[in-house]
C-alpha atoms as a PDB file:
ATOM      1  CA  MET A   1      20.859  14.704  -6.068  1.00  0.00           C
ATOM      2  CA  PRO A   2      17.102  14.018  -6.121  1.00  0.00           C
ATOM      3  CA  LYS A   3      15.364  13.579  -9.474  1.00  0.00           C
ATOM      4  CA  THR A   4      12.095  15.114  -8.262  1.00  0.00           C
ATOM      5  CA  ARG A   5      11.083  18.023  -6.074  1.00  0.00           C
ATOM      6  CA  THR A   6       7.825  19.275  -4.558  1.00  0.00           C
ATOM      7  CA  CYS A   7       6.717  22.790  -5.426  1.00  0.00           C
ATOM      8  CA  THR A   8       5.914  24.746  -2.264  1.00  0.00           C
ATOM      9  CA  LYS A   9       3.216  26.758  -4.030  1.00  0.00           C
ATOM     10  CA  CYS A  10       1.156  24.152  -5.932  1.00  0.00           C
ATOM     11  CA  LYS A  11       2.291  21.209  -3.741  1.00  0.00           C
ATOM     12  CA  ARG A  12       2.883  18.949  -6.758  1.00  0.00           C
ATOM     13  CA  THR A  13       5.895  16.699  -7.146  1.00  0.00           C
ATOM     14  CA  LYS A  14       7.642  17.378 -10.433  1.00  0.00           C
ATOM     15  CA  PRO A  15      10.932  16.450 -12.122  1.00  0.00           C
ATOM     16  CA  ILE A  16      13.834  18.662 -11.115  1.00  0.00           C
ATOM     17  CA  SER A  17      14.014  19.963 -14.714  1.00  0.00           C
ATOM     18  CA  ARG A  18      10.704  21.805 -14.047  1.00  0.00           C
ATOM     19  CA  PHE A  19      12.392  24.064 -11.443  1.00  0.00           C
ATOM     20  CA  ILE A  20      14.542  27.125 -12.027  1.00  0.00           C
ATOM     21  CA  ARG A  21      18.189  26.609 -11.166  1.00  0.00           C
ATOM     22  CA  ARG A  22      19.594  29.258  -8.852  1.00  0.00           C
ATOM     23  CA  LYS A  23      22.090  31.662 -10.387  1.00  0.00           C
ATOM     24  CA  ASN A  24      24.725  31.228  -7.689  1.00  0.00           C
ATOM     25  CA  PRO A  25      24.452  27.795  -6.072  1.00  0.00           C
ATOM     26  CA  TRP A  26      27.601  28.377  -4.009  1.00  0.00           C
ATOM     27  CA  LYS A  27      25.783  30.753  -1.649  1.00  0.00           C
ATOM     28  CA  THR A  28      24.066  27.759  -0.037  1.00  0.00           C
ATOM     29  CA  LYS A  29      25.247  24.206   0.296  1.00  0.00           C
ATOM     30  CA  THR A  30      21.970  22.321   0.091  1.00  0.00           C
ATOM     31  CA  LYS A  31      19.499  24.113  -2.222  1.00  0.00           C
ATOM     32  CA  TYR A  32      20.363  24.644  -5.874  1.00  0.00           C
ATOM     33  CA  PHE A  33      16.839  25.156  -7.222  1.00  0.00           C
ATOM     34  CA  HIS A  34      14.023  27.576  -6.454  1.00  0.00           C
ATOM     35  CA  ASP A  35      11.130  26.319  -4.349  1.00  0.00           C
ATOM     36  CA  TRP A  36       8.462  27.128  -6.962  1.00  0.00           C
ATOM     37  CA  CYS A  37       8.151  25.225 -10.238  1.00  0.00           C
ATOM     38  CA  LEU A  38       8.387  26.940 -13.631  1.00  0.00           C
ATOM     39  CA  ASN A  39       4.590  27.114 -14.018  1.00  0.00           C
ATOM     40  CA  CYS A  40       4.085  28.765 -10.618  1.00  0.00           C
ATOM     41  CA  HIS A  41       6.868  31.262 -11.350  1.00  0.00           C
ATOM     42  CA  ALA A  42       5.285  32.136 -14.698  1.00  0.00           C
ATOM     43  CA  GLU A  43       1.814  32.567 -13.192  1.00  0.00           C
ATOM     44  CA  SER A  44       3.231  34.743 -10.422  1.00  0.00           C
ATOM     45  CA  ALA A  45       5.130  36.922 -12.908  1.00  0.00           C
ATOM     46  CA  VAL A  46       2.052  37.421 -15.116  1.00  0.00           C
ATOM     47  CA  ALA A  47      -0.055  38.336 -12.082  1.00  0.00           C
ATOM     48  CA  TRP A  48       2.565  40.831 -10.876  1.00  0.00           C
ATOM     49  CA  ARG A  49       2.814  42.448 -14.328  1.00  0.00           C
ATOM     50  CA  LYS A  50      -0.963  42.853 -14.480  1.00  0.00           C
ATOM     51  CA  ALA A  51      -1.094  44.285 -10.951  1.00  0.00           C
ATOM     52  CA  ASN A  52       1.848  46.674 -11.483  1.00  0.00           C
ATOM     53  CA  PRO A  53       1.814  47.861 -15.126  1.00  0.00           C
ATOM     54  CA  GLU A  54       3.562  51.186 -14.372  1.00  0.00           C
ATOM     55  CA  ARG A  55       6.390  49.563 -12.439  1.00  0.00           C
ATOM     56  CA  PHE A  56       6.799  46.882 -15.101  1.00  0.00           C
ATOM     57  CA  LYS A  57       6.973  49.466 -17.905  1.00  0.00           C
ATOM     58  CA  ALA A  58       9.504  51.517 -15.928  1.00  0.00           C
ATOM     59  CA  TYR A  59      11.602  48.390 -15.384  1.00  0.00           C
ATOM     60  CA  GLN A  60      11.483  47.539 -19.091  1.00  0.00           C
ATOM     61  CA  ASN A  61      12.503  51.075 -20.068  1.00  0.00           C
ATOM     62  CA  GLU A  62      15.407  51.085 -17.603  1.00  0.00           C
ATOM     63  CA  TYR A  63      16.608  47.661 -18.748  1.00  0.00           C
ATOM     64  CA  HIS A  64      16.439  48.662 -22.415  1.00  0.00           C
ATOM     65  CA  ARG A  65      18.258  51.943 -21.754  1.00  0.00           C
ATOM     66  CA  LYS A  66      21.048  50.213 -19.839  1.00  0.00           C
ATOM     67  CA  LYS A  67      21.418  47.371 -22.311  1.00  0.00           C
ATOM     68  CA  TYR A  68      21.319  49.318 -25.570  1.00  0.00           C
ATOM     69  CA  HIS A  69      21.714  53.042 -25.076  1.00  0.00           C
ATOM     70  CA  GLU A  70      24.283  53.680 -22.362  1.00  0.00           C
ATOM     71  CA  ASP A  71      27.157  52.591 -24.566  1.00  0.00           C
ATOM     72  CA  ILE A  72      25.688  52.446 -28.050  1.00  0.00           C
ATOM     73  CA  GLU A  73      29.056  51.953 -29.765  1.00  0.00           C
ATOM     74  CA  ALA A  74      29.901  48.949 -27.597  1.00  0.00           C
ATOM     75  CA  SER A  75      26.480  47.489 -28.351  1.00  0.00           C
ATOM     76  CA  ARG A  76      26.995  47.955 -32.085  1.00  0.00           C
ATOM     77  CA  ALA A  77      30.513  46.496 -31.937  1.00  0.00           C
ATOM     78  CA  LYS A  78      29.168  43.461 -30.110  1.00  0.00           C
ATOM     79  CA  GLY A  79      26.519  42.993 -32.799  1.00  0.00           C
ATOM     80  CA  ARG A  80      29.071  43.304 -35.594  1.00  0.00           C
ATOM     81  CA  ALA A  81      31.374  40.782 -33.916  1.00  0.00           C
ATOM     82  CA  LYS A  82      28.476  38.355 -33.541  1.00  0.00           C
ATOM     83  CA  TYR A  83      27.592  38.802 -37.224  1.00  0.00           C
ATOM     84  CA  TRP A  84      31.132  38.231 -38.492  1.00  0.00           C
ATOM     85  CA  LYS A  85      31.537  35.159 -36.317  1.00  0.00           C
ATOM     86  CA  ASN A  86      28.908  33.385 -38.452  1.00  0.00           C
ATOM     87  CA  PRO A  87      27.711  35.628 -41.332  1.00  0.00           C
ATOM     88  CA  GLU A  88      25.985  32.845 -43.278  1.00  0.00           C
ATOM     89  CA  LYS A  89      23.604  32.235 -40.384  1.00  0.00           C
ATOM     90  CA  TYR A  90      22.489  35.879 -40.454  1.00  0.00           C
ATOM     91  CA  ARG A  91      22.217  35.949 -44.239  1.00  0.00           C
ATOM     92  CA  ALA A  92      19.978  32.882 -44.099  1.00  0.00           C
ATOM     93  CA  LYS A  93      17.759  34.632 -41.533  1.00  0.00           C
ATOM     94  CA  GLN A  94      17.559  37.687 -43.796  1.00  0.00           C
ATOM     95  CA  ARG A  95      16.522  35.490 -46.733  1.00  0.00           C
ATOM     96  CA  GLN A  96      13.803  33.882 -44.601  1.00  0.00           C
ATOM     97  CA  ARG A  97      12.500  37.309 -43.496  1.00  0.00           C
ATOM     98  CA  ARG A  98      12.378  38.547 -47.088  1.00  0.00           C
ATOM     99  CA  ALA A  99      10.556  35.405 -48.242  1.00  0.00           C
ATOM    100  CA  ARG A 100       7.997  35.759 -45.412  1.00  0.00           C
ATOM    101  CA  LYS A 101       7.501  39.406 -46.297  1.00  0.00           C
ATOM    102  CA  LYS A 102       6.906  38.530 -49.972  1.00  0.00           C
ATOM    103  CA  LEU A 103       4.374  35.852 -49.010  1.00  0.00           C
ATOM    104  CA  ALA A 104       2.544  38.267 -46.719  1.00  0.00           C
ATOM    105  CA  ALA A 105       2.468  40.943 -49.447  1.00  0.00           C
ATOM    106  CA  ALA A 106       1.201  38.429 -52.013  1.00  0.00           C
ATOM    107  CA  ALA A 107      -1.518  37.236 -49.642  1.00  0.00           C
ATOM    108  CA  THR A 108      -2.973  40.745 -49.239  1.00  0.00           C
END
Protein backbone atom coordinates (compact mmCIF):
# COMPACT_ATOMS: atom_id res chain seq x y z
CA MET A 1 0.00 0.00 0.00
CA PRO A 2 1.46 3.41 -0.92
CA LYS A 3 2.61 5.72 1.86
CA THR A 4 1.67 8.89 -0.04
CA ARG A 5 -1.19 10.01 -2.24
CA THR A 6 -1.89 13.03 -4.45
CA CYS A 7 -4.98 15.08 -3.69
CA THR A 8 -7.06 15.56 -6.84
CA LYS A 9 -8.26 18.98 -5.69
CA CYS A 10 -5.09 20.77 -4.51
CA LYS A 11 -2.70 18.52 -6.51
CA ARG A 12 -0.30 18.13 -3.57
CA THR A 13 1.30 14.86 -2.57
CA LYS A 14 0.64 14.12 1.08
CA PRO A 15 1.04 11.18 3.48
CA ILE A 16 -1.83 8.71 3.35
CA SER A 17 -2.73 9.67 6.95
CA ARG A 18 -3.91 13.07 5.58
CA PHE A 19 -6.74 11.39 3.61
CA ILE A 20 -10.10 10.19 4.88
CA ARG A 21 -10.45 6.43 4.93
CA ARG A 22 -13.57 5.17 3.19
CA LYS A 23 -16.26 3.72 5.43
CA ASN A 24 -16.69 0.50 3.45
CA PRO A 25 -13.47 -0.40 1.63
CA TRP A 26 -14.92 -3.72 0.45
CA LYS A 27 -17.11 -2.00 -2.15
CA THR A 28 -14.02 -1.43 -4.30
CA LYS A 29 -10.85 -3.44 -4.53
CA THR A 30 -8.31 -0.72 -5.25
CA LYS A 31 -9.28 2.56 -3.53
CA TYR A 32 -9.58 2.70 0.24
CA PHE A 33 -9.19 6.46 0.70
CA HIS A 34 -11.04 9.50 -0.61
CA ASP A 35 -9.45 11.47 -3.43
CA TRP A 36 -9.39 14.78 -1.53
CA CYS A 37 -7.12 15.39 1.46
CA LEU A 38 -8.46 16.34 4.89
CA ASN A 39 -7.79 20.06 4.33
CA CYS A 40 -9.66 20.13 1.01
CA HIS A 41 -12.59 18.24 2.55
CA ALA A 42 -12.74 20.71 5.44
CA GLU A 43 -12.60 23.74 3.15
CA SER A 44 -15.32 22.27 0.94
CA ALA A 45 -17.56 21.54 3.94
CA VAL A 46 -17.16 25.07 5.34
CA ALA A 47 -17.94 26.58 1.93
CA TRP A 48 -21.04 24.39 1.55
CA ARG A 49 -22.29 25.32 5.04
CA LYS A 50 -21.88 29.02 4.27
CA ALA A 51 -23.63 28.66 0.91
CA ASN A 52 -26.51 26.55 2.29
CA PRO A 53 -27.25 27.69 5.87
CA GLU A 54 -30.93 26.63 5.76
CA ARG A 55 -30.16 23.14 4.51
CA PHE A 56 -27.34 22.75 7.03
CA LYS A 57 -29.58 23.82 9.93
CA ALA A 58 -32.32 21.44 8.76
CA TYR A 59 -29.78 18.62 8.59
CA GLN A 60 -28.52 19.39 12.09
CA ASN A 61 -32.06 19.46 13.49
CA GLU A 62 -32.95 16.15 11.83
CA TYR A 63 -29.75 14.49 13.04
CA HIS A 64 -30.28 15.72 16.60
CA ARG A 65 -33.92 14.60 16.60
CA LYS A 66 -33.03 11.13 15.35
CA LYS A 67 -30.08 10.70 17.67
CA TYR A 68 -31.59 11.99 20.91
CA HIS A 69 -35.35 12.35 20.73
CA GLU A 70 -36.80 9.44 18.79
CA ASP A 71 -36.10 6.98 21.57
CA ILE A 72 -35.27 9.14 24.57
CA GLU A 73 -35.30 6.24 27.04
CA ALA A 74 -32.80 4.25 24.98
CA SER A 75 -30.58 7.33 24.78
CA ARG A 76 -30.73 7.81 28.54
CA ALA A 77 -30.07 4.11 29.19
CA LYS A 78 -27.04 4.27 26.92
CA GLY A 79 -25.73 7.28 28.84
CA ARG A 80 -26.26 5.58 32.19
CA ALA A 81 -24.48 2.44 31.00
CA LYS A 82 -21.55 4.54 29.78
CA TYR A 83 -21.40 6.33 33.15
CA TRP A 84 -21.44 3.14 35.22
CA LYS A 85 -18.78 1.55 33.05
CA ASN A 86 -16.28 4.12 34.36
CA PRO A 87 -17.89 6.43 36.97
CA GLU A 88 -14.61 7.88 38.27
CA LYS A 89 -13.84 9.32 34.84
CA TYR A 90 -17.14 11.23 34.84
CA ARG A 91 -16.73 12.37 38.43
CA ALA A 92 -13.30 13.75 37.57
CA LYS A 93 -14.82 15.66 34.63
CA GLN A 94 -17.50 17.07 36.94
CA ARG A 95 -14.83 18.23 39.40
CA GLN A 96 -12.93 19.94 36.57
CA ARG A 97 -16.11 21.70 35.37
CA ARG A 98 -16.89 22.93 38.88
CA ALA A 99 -13.33 24.20 39.37
CA ARG A 100 -13.45 26.05 36.02
CA LYS A 101 -16.80 27.56 36.95
CA LYS A 102 -15.42 28.76 40.31
CA LEU A 103 -12.39 30.32 38.60
CA ALA A 104 -14.61 32.08 36.06
CA ALA A 105 -16.89 33.39 38.83
CA ALA A 106 -13.91 34.61 40.86
CA ALA A 107 -12.44 36.36 37.82
CA THR A 108 -15.59 38.45 37.26
